[in-house]
Structures are given as structure tokens and as C-alpha cells.
N, C-alpha and C. Protein backbone atom coordinates (compact mmCIF):
# COMPACT_ATOMS: atom_id res chain seq x y z
N MET A 1 0.86 -1.17 -0.06
CA MET A 1 0.00 0.11 -0.04
C MET A 1 0.94 1.48 -0.06
N SER A 2 0.18 1.95 -0.75
CA SER A 2 1.74 3.33 -1.07
C SER A 2 0.97 4.28 0.43
N LYS A 3 2.21 5.35 0.68
CA LYS A 3 2.14 5.96 1.97
C LYS A 3 2.75 7.28 1.50
N VAL A 4 2.61 8.26 2.37
CA VAL A 4 3.26 9.45 2.47
C VAL A 4 4.46 9.24 3.08
N THR A 5 5.52 9.75 2.45
CA THR A 5 6.99 10.31 3.01
C THR A 5 7.20 11.43 3.23
N CYS A 6 7.91 11.86 4.15
CA CYS A 6 8.96 13.28 3.76
C CYS A 6 10.19 12.53 4.40
N ASP A 7 11.32 12.86 3.50
CA ASP A 7 12.90 13.35 3.86
C ASP A 7 13.43 14.64 4.53
N MET A 8 13.53 14.51 5.51
CA MET A 8 14.02 15.93 5.52
C MET A 8 15.35 16.47 6.32
N GLY A 9 16.92 16.89 5.74
CA GLY A 9 17.64 17.14 6.02
C GLY A 9 18.08 17.98 7.16
N MET A 10 19.07 18.03 8.67
CA MET A 10 18.17 18.84 9.55
C MET A 10 19.51 18.72 10.32
N SER A 11 20.20 19.45 11.29
CA SER A 11 20.71 20.21 12.42
C SER A 11 20.53 19.42 13.31
N LEU A 12 21.61 18.86 14.78
CA LEU A 12 21.09 18.14 15.63
C LEU A 12 20.28 19.34 16.55
N ASP A 13 20.00 20.40 16.38
CA ASP A 13 19.20 21.01 16.77
C ASP A 13 17.89 21.18 16.64
N GLY A 14 18.07 20.51 15.55
CA GLY A 14 16.32 20.91 14.79
C GLY A 14 15.92 21.47 13.58
N PHE A 15 17.20 22.19 12.82
CA PHE A 15 16.56 23.02 12.13
C PHE A 15 16.99 22.93 10.25
N VAL A 16 16.00 22.97 9.48
CA VAL A 16 16.00 22.31 7.72
C VAL A 16 17.26 23.45 7.26
N ALA A 17 16.87 24.55 7.91
CA ALA A 17 17.80 25.75 7.31
C ALA A 17 18.07 26.27 8.24
N GLY A 18 19.01 27.69 7.79
CA GLY A 18 19.12 28.84 8.34
C GLY A 18 18.31 30.07 8.18
N PRO A 19 18.49 31.28 9.39
CA PRO A 19 17.52 32.17 9.40
C PRO A 19 17.86 33.19 7.72
N ASN A 20 16.94 33.65 7.24
CA ASN A 20 17.36 34.58 6.22
C ASN A 20 17.56 33.84 4.89
N GLN A 21 16.52 33.49 4.86
CA GLN A 21 16.94 32.54 3.25
C GLN A 21 16.06 33.56 2.14
N SER A 22 17.11 33.21 0.93
CA SER A 22 17.16 34.23 0.07
C SER A 22 18.25 34.04 -0.98
N LEU A 23 18.00 34.95 -2.32
CA LEU A 23 18.56 33.84 -3.51
C LEU A 23 19.94 33.88 -3.13
N GLU A 24 21.06 34.27 -2.76
CA GLU A 24 21.84 34.02 -2.32
C GLU A 24 22.53 33.10 -1.13
N HIS A 25 21.29 32.74 -0.20
CA HIS A 25 21.23 32.35 0.43
C HIS A 25 19.91 30.86 1.29
N PRO A 26 19.62 29.98 -0.38
CA PRO A 26 18.79 29.43 -0.53
C PRO A 26 18.45 28.59 0.50
N LEU A 27 19.22 27.89 1.52
CA LEU A 27 19.23 27.52 2.80
C LEU A 27 19.30 28.08 3.90
N GLY A 28 19.14 29.40 3.63
CA GLY A 28 18.88 30.59 4.88
C GLY A 28 21.24 30.43 5.51
N GLU A 29 21.38 31.54 6.01
CA GLU A 29 22.82 31.62 6.33
C GLU A 29 22.96 30.81 7.31
N GLY A 30 24.25 30.26 6.75
CA GLY A 30 24.63 28.98 7.48
C GLY A 30 24.29 27.36 7.44
N GLY A 31 23.29 27.33 6.67
CA GLY A 31 22.43 26.30 5.80
C GLY A 31 22.82 25.50 4.83
N ALA A 32 23.68 26.52 4.20
CA ALA A 32 24.65 25.89 3.13
C ALA A 32 24.48 24.47 2.92
N LYS A 33 24.23 23.79 1.57
CA LYS A 33 24.76 22.93 1.07
C LYS A 33 26.27 22.14 1.50
N GLU A 34 26.87 23.04 2.07
CA GLU A 34 28.30 22.16 2.48
C GLU A 34 28.27 21.77 4.22
N CYS A 35 27.27 22.24 4.94
CA CYS A 35 26.95 21.81 5.86
C CYS A 35 25.68 20.96 6.60
N LEU A 36 24.64 21.43 6.14
CA LEU A 36 23.61 20.15 6.25
C LEU A 36 23.26 19.07 5.42
N HIS A 37 23.80 19.31 4.11
CA HIS A 37 23.43 18.07 2.94
C HIS A 37 25.61 17.92 2.11
N ARG A 38 26.47 18.30 3.43
CA ARG A 38 27.05 17.91 2.91
C ARG A 38 27.80 16.05 2.09
N TRP A 39 27.06 15.47 3.15
CA TRP A 39 26.93 13.91 2.84
C TRP A 39 26.32 13.48 1.73
N MET A 40 25.14 14.24 1.08
CA MET A 40 24.71 13.88 -0.74
C MET A 40 26.02 14.49 -1.49
N PHE A 41 26.80 15.18 -1.10
CA PHE A 41 27.67 15.51 -2.38
C PHE A 41 29.06 14.93 -2.19
N GLU A 42 29.80 14.87 -1.22
CA GLU A 42 30.98 14.48 -0.53
C GLU A 42 31.22 13.16 -0.67
N GLU A 43 30.06 12.33 -0.07
CA GLU A 43 30.18 10.87 -0.04
C GLU A 43 28.80 10.02 -0.47
N PRO A 44 28.29 10.56 -1.87
CA PRO A 44 26.65 10.34 -2.35
C PRO A 44 27.14 8.72 -2.71
N GLU A 45 27.90 7.61 -3.00
CA GLU A 45 28.32 6.70 -2.98
C GLU A 45 27.60 5.69 -1.55
N ARG A 46 27.75 6.54 -0.82
CA ARG A 46 28.31 5.33 0.50
C ARG A 46 26.13 5.48 0.97
N HIS A 47 25.44 6.54 0.19
CA HIS A 47 24.04 6.72 -0.03
C HIS A 47 23.21 6.78 -0.36
N THR A 48 23.55 5.71 -1.82
CA THR A 48 22.91 5.56 -2.50
C THR A 48 21.96 4.66 -2.22
N ALA A 49 21.40 4.19 -1.64
CA ALA A 49 19.52 3.64 -1.40
C ALA A 49 18.93 4.41 -0.76
N VAL A 50 19.28 5.25 -0.03
CA VAL A 50 19.10 6.64 0.87
C VAL A 50 18.66 7.75 -0.07
N LEU A 51 18.80 8.18 -1.16
CA LEU A 51 19.24 9.09 -2.04
C LEU A 51 18.15 8.55 -2.88
N GLU A 52 18.27 7.46 -3.68
CA GLU A 52 17.06 6.90 -4.56
C GLU A 52 16.11 6.65 -3.53
N GLY A 53 15.84 6.74 -2.80
CA GLY A 53 14.32 6.85 -1.99
C GLY A 53 13.64 7.89 -1.59
N ILE A 54 14.44 9.15 -1.13
CA ILE A 54 14.47 10.36 -1.74
C ILE A 54 13.30 10.71 -2.56
N THR A 55 14.02 10.11 -4.00
CA THR A 55 13.07 10.55 -5.40
C THR A 55 12.48 9.81 -5.65
N ALA A 56 11.58 9.16 -5.24
CA ALA A 56 10.87 7.46 -5.70
C ALA A 56 9.78 7.79 -5.98
N ALA A 57 9.35 9.21 -4.97
CA ALA A 57 7.54 8.81 -5.37
C ALA A 57 6.82 9.07 -6.18
N GLY A 58 5.93 8.76 -6.20
CA GLY A 58 5.57 9.21 -7.92
C GLY A 58 4.56 10.68 -7.71
N ALA A 59 4.69 11.67 -6.93
CA ALA A 59 4.44 12.71 -6.86
C ALA A 59 4.90 13.31 -5.69
N PHE A 60 5.12 14.77 -5.61
CA PHE A 60 5.97 15.21 -4.43
C PHE A 60 5.29 16.59 -4.16
N ILE A 61 4.99 16.77 -3.09
CA ILE A 61 4.69 18.31 -2.39
C ILE A 61 5.25 19.13 -1.79
N MET A 62 5.54 20.35 -1.74
CA MET A 62 6.62 21.59 -1.14
C MET A 62 5.71 22.81 -1.05
N GLY A 63 6.46 23.37 -0.36
CA GLY A 63 5.70 24.97 0.09
C GLY A 63 6.44 25.82 -1.07
N ARG A 64 5.94 26.98 -1.36
CA ARG A 64 6.53 28.04 -2.16
C ARG A 64 8.14 28.64 -2.01
N ASN A 65 8.42 28.31 -0.23
CA ASN A 65 9.85 28.46 0.30
C ASN A 65 10.65 27.96 -0.43
N MET A 66 10.18 26.60 -0.77
CA MET A 66 11.10 25.56 -0.87
C MET A 66 11.22 26.07 -2.68
N PHE A 67 10.54 25.76 -3.24
CA PHE A 67 9.98 26.35 -5.10
C PHE A 67 11.29 27.34 -4.79
N GLY A 68 11.22 28.10 -4.35
CA GLY A 68 12.03 29.25 -4.95
C GLY A 68 11.81 31.28 -3.94
N PRO A 69 12.97 31.81 -3.66
CA PRO A 69 12.92 32.86 -2.92
C PRO A 69 11.84 33.79 -2.76
N GLY A 70 10.96 34.40 -3.76
CA GLY A 70 9.85 35.47 -4.03
C GLY A 70 9.11 34.75 -3.50
N ARG A 71 8.49 36.00 -2.90
CA ARG A 71 6.57 35.99 -1.95
C ARG A 71 6.11 36.90 -2.86
N GLY A 72 5.08 37.10 -3.04
CA GLY A 72 3.79 38.02 -3.60
C GLY A 72 3.44 37.08 -5.04
N VAL A 73 3.71 38.14 -6.08
CA VAL A 73 3.63 37.70 -7.59
C VAL A 73 3.73 37.02 -7.86
N TRP A 74 4.42 36.32 -8.92
CA TRP A 74 5.57 35.42 -9.37
C TRP A 74 6.56 36.18 -10.48
N ASP A 75 7.52 35.77 -9.99
CA ASP A 75 8.40 36.44 -11.11
C ASP A 75 8.07 34.78 -12.35
N LEU A 76 7.83 34.96 -13.30
CA LEU A 76 7.57 33.68 -14.47
C LEU A 76 8.43 33.46 -15.02
N GLU A 77 9.54 34.22 -14.51
CA GLU A 77 11.25 33.79 -15.42
C GLU A 77 11.69 32.66 -14.40
N TRP A 78 10.72 32.63 -12.88
CA TRP A 78 12.07 31.52 -11.88
C TRP A 78 11.18 30.42 -12.36
N LYS A 79 12.06 29.34 -12.03
CA LYS A 79 11.75 28.14 -12.43
C LYS A 79 12.41 26.47 -11.47
N GLY A 80 12.48 27.30 -10.47
CA GLY A 80 13.25 26.75 -9.14
C GLY A 80 14.26 26.87 -9.39
N TRP A 81 15.00 26.10 -8.15
CA TRP A 81 16.65 26.41 -7.56
C TRP A 81 17.05 24.85 -8.80
N TRP A 82 16.59 23.97 -9.44
CA TRP A 82 17.27 23.24 -9.81
C TRP A 82 17.63 23.12 -10.82
N GLY A 83 17.38 24.06 -11.74
CA GLY A 83 17.86 24.31 -13.45
C GLY A 83 17.17 23.40 -14.33
N GLU A 84 17.39 22.96 -15.32
CA GLU A 84 15.94 23.20 -16.19
C GLU A 84 15.99 21.10 -16.03
N GLU A 85 16.55 20.73 -15.62
CA GLU A 85 15.76 19.32 -15.38
C GLU A 85 16.21 18.88 -13.38
N PRO A 86 15.18 18.91 -13.25
CA PRO A 86 14.74 19.20 -11.71
C PRO A 86 15.22 17.26 -11.59
N PRO A 87 15.18 17.29 -10.24
CA PRO A 87 15.79 15.66 -10.01
C PRO A 87 14.55 14.93 -9.34
N TYR A 88 13.27 15.36 -9.30
CA TYR A 88 11.46 15.00 -8.90
C TYR A 88 11.56 14.00 -9.84
N HIS A 89 11.47 14.73 -11.31
CA HIS A 89 10.44 13.51 -12.76
C HIS A 89 9.12 13.22 -12.25
N GLY A 90 9.05 13.75 -11.97
CA GLY A 90 7.39 13.60 -11.78
C GLY A 90 6.79 15.16 -11.39
N PRO A 91 5.21 14.78 -11.36
CA PRO A 91 4.81 16.04 -10.52
C PRO A 91 4.68 16.36 -9.49
N VAL A 92 4.90 17.73 -9.32
CA VAL A 92 5.48 17.98 -7.93
C VAL A 92 4.31 19.46 -7.84
N PHE A 93 3.83 19.47 -6.59
CA PHE A 93 2.47 20.32 -5.96
C PHE A 93 3.49 21.34 -5.23
N VAL A 94 2.93 22.79 -5.57
CA VAL A 94 3.71 23.58 -4.63
C VAL A 94 2.27 24.57 -4.35
N LEU A 95 2.86 24.30 -3.24
CA LEU A 95 1.51 25.13 -1.57
C LEU A 95 2.02 26.66 -2.43
N THR A 96 0.79 27.47 -2.52
CA THR A 96 1.05 29.00 -3.00
C THR A 96 -0.17 29.59 -2.78
N HIS A 97 0.04 31.00 -2.45
CA HIS A 97 -1.52 32.11 -2.60
C HIS A 97 -1.84 32.69 -3.68
N HIS A 98 -0.98 32.26 -4.87
CA HIS A 98 -0.96 32.77 -6.21
C HIS A 98 -0.56 31.89 -7.03
N PRO A 99 -1.86 31.98 -7.87
CA PRO A 99 -1.99 31.25 -8.90
C PRO A 99 -0.96 31.38 -10.51
N ARG A 100 -0.37 30.30 -10.46
CA ARG A 100 0.38 30.33 -11.95
C ARG A 100 -0.19 28.88 -12.50
N GLU A 101 0.03 29.02 -13.77
CA GLU A 101 0.11 27.99 -14.74
C GLU A 101 0.97 26.90 -14.60
N PRO A 102 0.66 25.52 -14.74
CA PRO A 102 1.92 24.36 -14.46
C PRO A 102 3.05 24.90 -15.33
N LEU A 103 3.94 24.04 -14.92
CA LEU A 103 5.60 24.62 -15.36
C LEU A 103 6.07 23.35 -15.21
N ALA A 104 6.11 22.85 -16.71
CA ALA A 104 6.39 21.45 -17.46
C ALA A 104 8.04 21.68 -17.21
N MET A 105 8.75 20.50 -17.19
CA MET A 105 10.61 21.23 -17.30
C MET A 105 11.22 19.69 -17.67
N LYS A 106 12.20 19.63 -18.40
CA LYS A 106 12.78 18.28 -18.79
C LYS A 106 12.93 17.23 -17.92
N GLY A 107 13.18 15.99 -17.92
CA GLY A 107 13.14 14.82 -17.34
C GLY A 107 12.14 14.76 -16.86
N GLY A 108 10.33 15.11 -16.90
CA GLY A 108 9.31 14.64 -16.61
C GLY A 108 8.85 15.60 -15.35
N THR A 109 9.81 16.07 -14.31
CA THR A 109 8.86 17.35 -13.65
C THR A 109 8.30 18.39 -14.37
N THR A 110 6.98 17.90 -13.46
CA THR A 110 5.86 19.08 -13.75
C THR A 110 5.57 20.18 -12.17
N PHE A 111 5.86 21.48 -12.40
CA PHE A 111 5.39 22.23 -11.12
C PHE A 111 3.75 22.37 -11.67
N VAL A 112 3.13 21.63 -10.14
CA VAL A 112 1.74 22.55 -10.54
C VAL A 112 1.67 23.09 -9.15
N PHE A 113 1.00 24.23 -8.99
CA PHE A 113 0.73 25.76 -8.29
C PHE A 113 -0.84 25.24 -7.40
N VAL A 114 -0.59 25.06 -6.23
CA VAL A 114 -1.59 24.51 -5.57
C VAL A 114 -2.21 25.97 -4.97
N THR A 115 -3.63 26.40 -4.73
CA THR A 115 -3.59 27.36 -4.15
C THR A 115 -4.67 27.86 -3.46
N ASP A 116 -5.60 26.05 -2.82
CA ASP A 116 -6.41 25.64 -2.22
C ASP A 116 -5.99 24.97 -0.90
N GLY A 117 -4.73 25.18 -0.37
CA GLY A 117 -4.52 24.60 0.83
C GLY A 117 -4.13 22.79 0.48
N ILE A 118 -3.37 22.43 2.06
CA ILE A 118 -2.71 21.02 2.15
C ILE A 118 -3.92 19.87 1.48
N GLU A 119 -4.95 20.15 2.05
CA GLU A 119 -5.18 18.71 1.82
C GLU A 119 -5.83 18.77 0.51
N ALA A 120 -5.65 20.19 -0.02
CA ALA A 120 -6.28 19.72 -2.03
C ALA A 120 -5.05 19.06 -2.57
N ALA A 121 -3.97 19.77 -1.76
CA ALA A 121 -2.91 19.96 -2.43
C ALA A 121 -2.78 17.75 -2.69
N MET A 122 -2.54 17.45 -1.08
CA MET A 122 -2.39 16.36 -1.32
C MET A 122 -3.69 15.05 -2.00
N ALA A 123 -4.75 16.08 -1.97
CA ALA A 123 -5.63 15.15 -2.63
C ALA A 123 -5.27 14.79 -4.31
N ARG A 124 -4.43 15.96 -5.11
CA ARG A 124 -3.84 15.93 -6.10
C ARG A 124 -2.69 15.18 -6.14
N ALA A 125 -1.93 15.32 -5.39
CA ALA A 125 -0.96 13.78 -5.38
C ALA A 125 -0.66 13.02 -5.15
N ARG A 126 -1.82 12.69 -4.56
CA ARG A 126 -2.14 10.57 -4.29
C ARG A 126 -2.84 10.64 -5.45
N GLU A 127 -3.91 10.99 -6.29
CA GLU A 127 -4.11 10.86 -7.39
C GLU A 127 -3.34 10.66 -8.71
N ALA A 128 -2.45 11.60 -8.77
CA ALA A 128 -1.36 11.62 -9.60
C ALA A 128 0.09 10.79 -9.40
N ALA A 129 -0.17 10.17 -8.13
CA ALA A 129 0.83 8.97 -8.00
C ALA A 129 0.40 7.64 -8.08
N GLY A 130 -0.87 7.47 -8.06
CA GLY A 130 -1.51 6.20 -8.09
C GLY A 130 -1.56 4.67 -7.04
N ASP A 131 -0.72 3.65 -7.06
CA ASP A 131 -0.59 3.49 -6.24
C ASP A 131 1.19 3.39 -5.64
N ARG A 132 1.89 4.59 -5.91
CA ARG A 132 3.10 4.92 -5.75
C ARG A 132 3.22 5.81 -4.14
N ASP A 133 4.41 5.77 -3.45
CA ASP A 133 4.48 6.99 -2.63
C ASP A 133 4.27 8.46 -2.92
N VAL A 134 4.05 9.39 -2.17
CA VAL A 134 4.03 10.45 -1.98
C VAL A 134 4.99 11.04 -1.42
N ALA A 135 5.36 12.10 -1.60
CA ALA A 135 6.98 12.67 -0.94
C ALA A 135 6.26 13.88 -0.34
N VAL A 136 5.76 14.26 0.76
CA VAL A 136 6.15 16.53 1.58
C VAL A 136 7.57 16.34 1.20
N ALA A 137 8.50 17.36 0.29
CA ALA A 137 9.65 17.21 0.38
C ALA A 137 10.06 18.44 0.92
N GLY A 138 9.26 19.62 2.08
CA GLY A 138 9.89 20.29 2.35
C GLY A 138 8.91 21.77 1.94
N GLY A 139 9.79 22.72 2.68
CA GLY A 139 10.63 22.76 3.62
C GLY A 139 9.68 22.62 5.28
N ALA A 140 10.44 23.70 6.05
CA ALA A 140 9.84 23.02 7.22
C ALA A 140 8.30 23.64 7.58
N GLU A 141 7.84 24.25 6.90
CA GLU A 141 6.47 24.73 7.67
C GLU A 141 5.63 24.21 7.35
N THR A 142 6.04 23.57 5.90
CA THR A 142 4.81 22.64 5.08
C THR A 142 5.18 21.41 5.48
N VAL A 143 6.15 21.17 6.42
CA VAL A 143 6.39 19.67 7.22
C VAL A 143 5.83 19.46 7.87
N ASN A 144 5.58 20.60 8.83
CA ASN A 144 4.91 20.55 10.18
C ASN A 144 3.50 20.83 10.12
N ARG A 145 2.83 21.44 8.81
CA ARG A 145 1.69 21.46 9.09
C ARG A 145 1.37 20.12 8.44
N TYR A 146 1.77 19.72 7.65
CA TYR A 146 1.31 17.99 6.99
C TYR A 146 1.99 17.51 8.48
N LEU A 147 2.54 17.24 9.44
CA LEU A 147 2.38 16.54 10.21
C LEU A 147 1.55 16.62 11.36
N ALA A 148 1.31 18.25 11.54
CA ALA A 148 0.11 18.12 12.86
C ALA A 148 -0.88 17.79 12.54
N ALA A 149 -1.83 18.07 10.88
CA ALA A 149 -2.72 17.80 10.17
C ALA A 149 -3.11 15.87 9.90
N GLY A 150 -1.42 15.29 10.90
CA GLY A 150 -1.87 13.57 10.25
C GLY A 150 -1.66 13.16 9.47
N LEU A 151 -0.95 13.68 8.38
CA LEU A 151 -1.16 13.24 6.67
C LEU A 151 0.24 12.66 6.69
N ILE A 152 1.09 12.62 7.39
CA ILE A 152 2.17 12.18 6.85
C ILE A 152 2.60 10.25 7.75
N ASP A 153 2.83 9.53 6.92
CA ASP A 153 3.01 8.19 7.53
C ASP A 153 4.53 7.97 8.03
N GLU A 154 5.38 8.64 6.88
CA GLU A 154 6.29 8.09 7.57
C GLU A 154 7.51 9.44 7.26
N LEU A 155 8.33 9.30 8.50
CA LEU A 155 9.66 10.60 8.45
C LEU A 155 10.76 10.25 8.87
N ARG A 156 11.75 10.72 7.53
CA ARG A 156 12.98 10.14 7.44
C ARG A 156 14.16 11.40 7.84
N LEU A 157 14.66 11.16 8.85
CA LEU A 157 15.45 12.54 9.44
C LEU A 157 17.02 12.47 8.42
N HIS A 158 17.44 12.78 8.16
CA HIS A 158 18.86 12.90 7.69
C HIS A 158 19.90 14.25 8.87
N VAL A 159 20.08 13.59 9.67
CA VAL A 159 20.86 15.00 10.65
C VAL A 159 21.88 14.72 10.32
N ALA A 160 22.69 16.01 10.07
CA ALA A 160 24.36 16.85 10.23
C ALA A 160 24.25 16.72 11.59
N PRO A 161 25.72 16.34 11.85
CA PRO A 161 26.45 16.53 13.33
C PRO A 161 27.05 18.14 13.40
N VAL A 162 25.99 19.37 13.30
CA VAL A 162 26.27 20.22 13.16
C VAL A 162 25.40 21.14 14.33
N ILE A 163 25.33 22.55 14.39
CA ILE A 163 24.39 23.51 15.31
C ILE A 163 24.12 24.54 14.85
N LEU A 164 22.93 24.42 14.27
CA LEU A 164 22.77 25.42 13.75
C LEU A 164 22.30 27.11 14.30
N GLY A 165 21.83 26.54 15.38
CA GLY A 165 20.84 27.83 16.33
C GLY A 165 19.85 28.44 16.09
N ARG A 166 19.65 28.71 15.19
CA ARG A 166 18.24 29.58 14.47
C ARG A 166 18.07 29.57 12.90
N GLY A 167 16.54 29.33 12.66
CA GLY A 167 16.40 29.57 11.34
C GLY A 167 15.28 28.81 11.78
N GLU A 168 15.08 27.78 10.41
CA GLU A 168 13.58 27.08 10.19
C GLU A 168 13.36 25.91 10.73
N ARG A 169 12.97 25.63 11.62
CA ARG A 169 12.93 24.77 13.05
C ARG A 169 11.76 23.44 12.53
N LEU A 170 12.13 22.07 12.27
CA LEU A 170 11.43 20.87 11.93
C LEU A 170 10.69 20.95 13.46
N LEU A 171 9.35 20.61 13.14
CA LEU A 171 8.95 19.80 14.52
C LEU A 171 8.76 20.44 15.92
N ASP A 172 8.32 21.27 15.01
CA ASP A 172 7.83 23.31 15.86
C ASP A 172 6.40 23.24 16.43
N ASN A 173 5.63 23.30 17.21
CA ASN A 173 4.80 23.41 17.91
C ASN A 173 3.48 22.43 16.97
N LEU A 174 3.94 20.67 17.45
CA LEU A 174 2.81 19.96 16.27
C LEU A 174 2.16 19.51 17.26
N GLY A 175 2.07 19.35 19.14
CA GLY A 175 1.72 18.88 19.76
C GLY A 175 1.99 17.73 20.29
N ASN A 176 1.56 16.95 20.76
CA ASN A 176 1.76 15.45 21.15
C ASN A 176 1.24 14.63 20.31
N ILE A 177 2.86 14.22 19.37
CA ILE A 177 3.26 13.45 18.29
C ILE A 177 3.87 12.13 18.59
N THR A 178 3.71 10.65 18.42
CA THR A 178 4.19 9.88 18.55
C THR A 178 5.31 8.85 17.65
N LEU A 179 6.73 9.06 17.44
CA LEU A 179 7.03 8.61 16.22
C LEU A 179 7.69 6.79 16.66
N GLU A 180 7.41 6.01 15.81
CA GLU A 180 8.14 4.75 16.01
C GLU A 180 9.34 4.03 15.14
N PRO A 181 10.27 3.91 15.87
CA PRO A 181 11.34 3.72 15.11
C PRO A 181 11.56 2.86 13.93
N VAL A 182 11.93 2.80 12.96
CA VAL A 182 11.69 1.85 11.69
C VAL A 182 13.25 1.30 11.44
N GLY A 183 13.58 0.08 11.93
CA GLY A 183 15.10 0.08 11.60
C GLY A 183 15.60 0.78 12.47
N ASP A 184 17.45 0.52 12.23
CA ASP A 184 18.18 0.77 12.98
C ASP A 184 19.07 2.13 12.03
N PRO A 185 19.44 2.71 13.32
CA PRO A 185 20.21 4.11 12.47
C PRO A 185 20.87 3.71 11.77
N ALA A 186 21.27 3.99 10.53
CA ALA A 186 22.52 3.90 10.15
C ALA A 186 22.84 5.76 9.55
N GLY A 187 24.50 5.71 8.68
CA GLY A 187 24.96 6.86 8.56
C GLY A 187 26.10 6.74 8.36
N THR A 188 26.96 8.00 8.28
CA THR A 188 28.92 8.42 8.52
C THR A 188 28.92 9.33 9.22
N GLY A 189 30.17 9.78 9.63
CA GLY A 189 30.31 10.49 10.16
C GLY A 189 29.70 11.92 9.40
N LEU A 190 29.23 11.96 8.40
CA LEU A 190 28.32 13.14 8.16
C LEU A 190 27.31 13.00 8.00
N VAL A 191 26.44 12.70 8.51
CA VAL A 191 25.43 12.34 8.62
C VAL A 191 24.92 10.89 9.26
N THR A 192 23.69 10.82 10.10
CA THR A 192 22.80 10.01 10.23
C THR A 192 21.42 9.72 10.26
N HIS A 193 21.22 8.34 9.49
CA HIS A 193 19.97 8.39 9.33
C HIS A 193 19.07 8.02 10.17
N LEU A 194 17.72 8.26 10.29
CA LEU A 194 16.85 7.66 11.23
C LEU A 194 15.46 7.99 10.33
N THR A 195 14.86 6.69 10.57
CA THR A 195 13.32 6.38 9.81
C THR A 195 12.22 6.24 11.08
N TYR A 196 11.06 6.89 10.97
CA TYR A 196 10.32 6.79 11.58
C TYR A 196 8.90 6.61 11.12
N ARG A 197 8.10 5.68 11.61
CA ARG A 197 6.82 5.57 11.30
C ARG A 197 5.48 6.80 12.42
N VAL A 198 4.78 7.64 11.71
CA VAL A 198 4.37 8.32 12.68
C VAL A 198 2.89 7.63 12.90
N ILE A 199 2.72 7.51 14.08
CA ILE A 199 1.63 6.84 14.97
C ILE A 199 0.64 8.46 15.14
N ARG A 200 -0.64 8.01 14.64
CA ARG A 200 -1.90 8.81 14.80
C ARG A 200 -2.74 8.40 16.12
């Protein structure tokens, strides 16, 4: 049976991005890929199964902050952080308050902009994914909203041995949520991979 998953890179103190996200600092100040995501770039061969799992879903959901730095009315020249061929290779439903036509990219990724809330985006993603999983891709606010609504089945945390101190915090203001470990922790000196089943 398909499930809703979420993979998030985070610091030991629970931040998935530093403060002051911008075009120059997509992951905020101090949250650059060299800090939270070094393992992806410096030793990908040691994490092949994890990396494949992150993009294995049939459809994805993300917040507007993850798609780009802009706020308000769309800059239609902006097509995401990932270049002409994003890594998703499927439909990506972007939560926003501002309508925009779907954006088809190379490699099969199509960004679909959803203005009617997290439940509507989830319904569309489930339909698009068919019998495959749906992945909530981020950022922190979007993941927290889906967790609080009880709409994520499996949370996969990729914890870097760094302290950011401030920024965008995961698992913030959620109330009482029980996480059941799945399997044993794995990783290297750059990251620890933890998987949890979300108990409703």
C-alpha cells in the first residue's frame, strides 16, 4: 500500500535551514549544502539507497519557500533552484497563495501550483501518484503543517552533526505526536539516517 513519506536534512538542534533565506542563501545563512547536506555531495556512493529513496515517490508536495525565494506575485522567469532538469521526474505540487500555470521541465518534472490548501494538494498528489508513494519534500513549515494534520506516514530524518542555533525549525509547535523507529540508525560521520513511522 502506498504511503506519504518525508525526507528532511536537519541539524542536531532541529533546523532544516538557517535564518534569512534568500536568492544568495537558499538554505539560509549557515545552512548551505556544505553544512547540512555535505553527505549528498561528498560521499553519495555511501548513501545510494537513501538518495534513491528520496526521489522514488510518484508525486511530491512542497511549499513555495522551497520552490523559490520570491514572495507575492510570481516572477514567471523563476523555474526553481534545480536548473532545467529538476531531480523529481514527476508531478510536484507547490503550495502557494498566488495562481500560476503548470510549469513543465525536462526529465518529466511538472510543477503544479496549488492555491486551495494542504488537503487539496495531498488529494491531487495521491491521484497523480497512483499506487506509488507521495513525498512531502519541504520546507519546515510545510512539513510541520502536514505532520500536525496527521497526513505523513513515514518521517526520514538525515541529521548532520552541526548546530545552526536559529532558522527554520522542524517539529515545531506540533503538539503530541508519537514516532516509532523503523529499523536501526545508519550513516557516516557526516550524517545519521533515522526513519520513523508516524503514529496517529
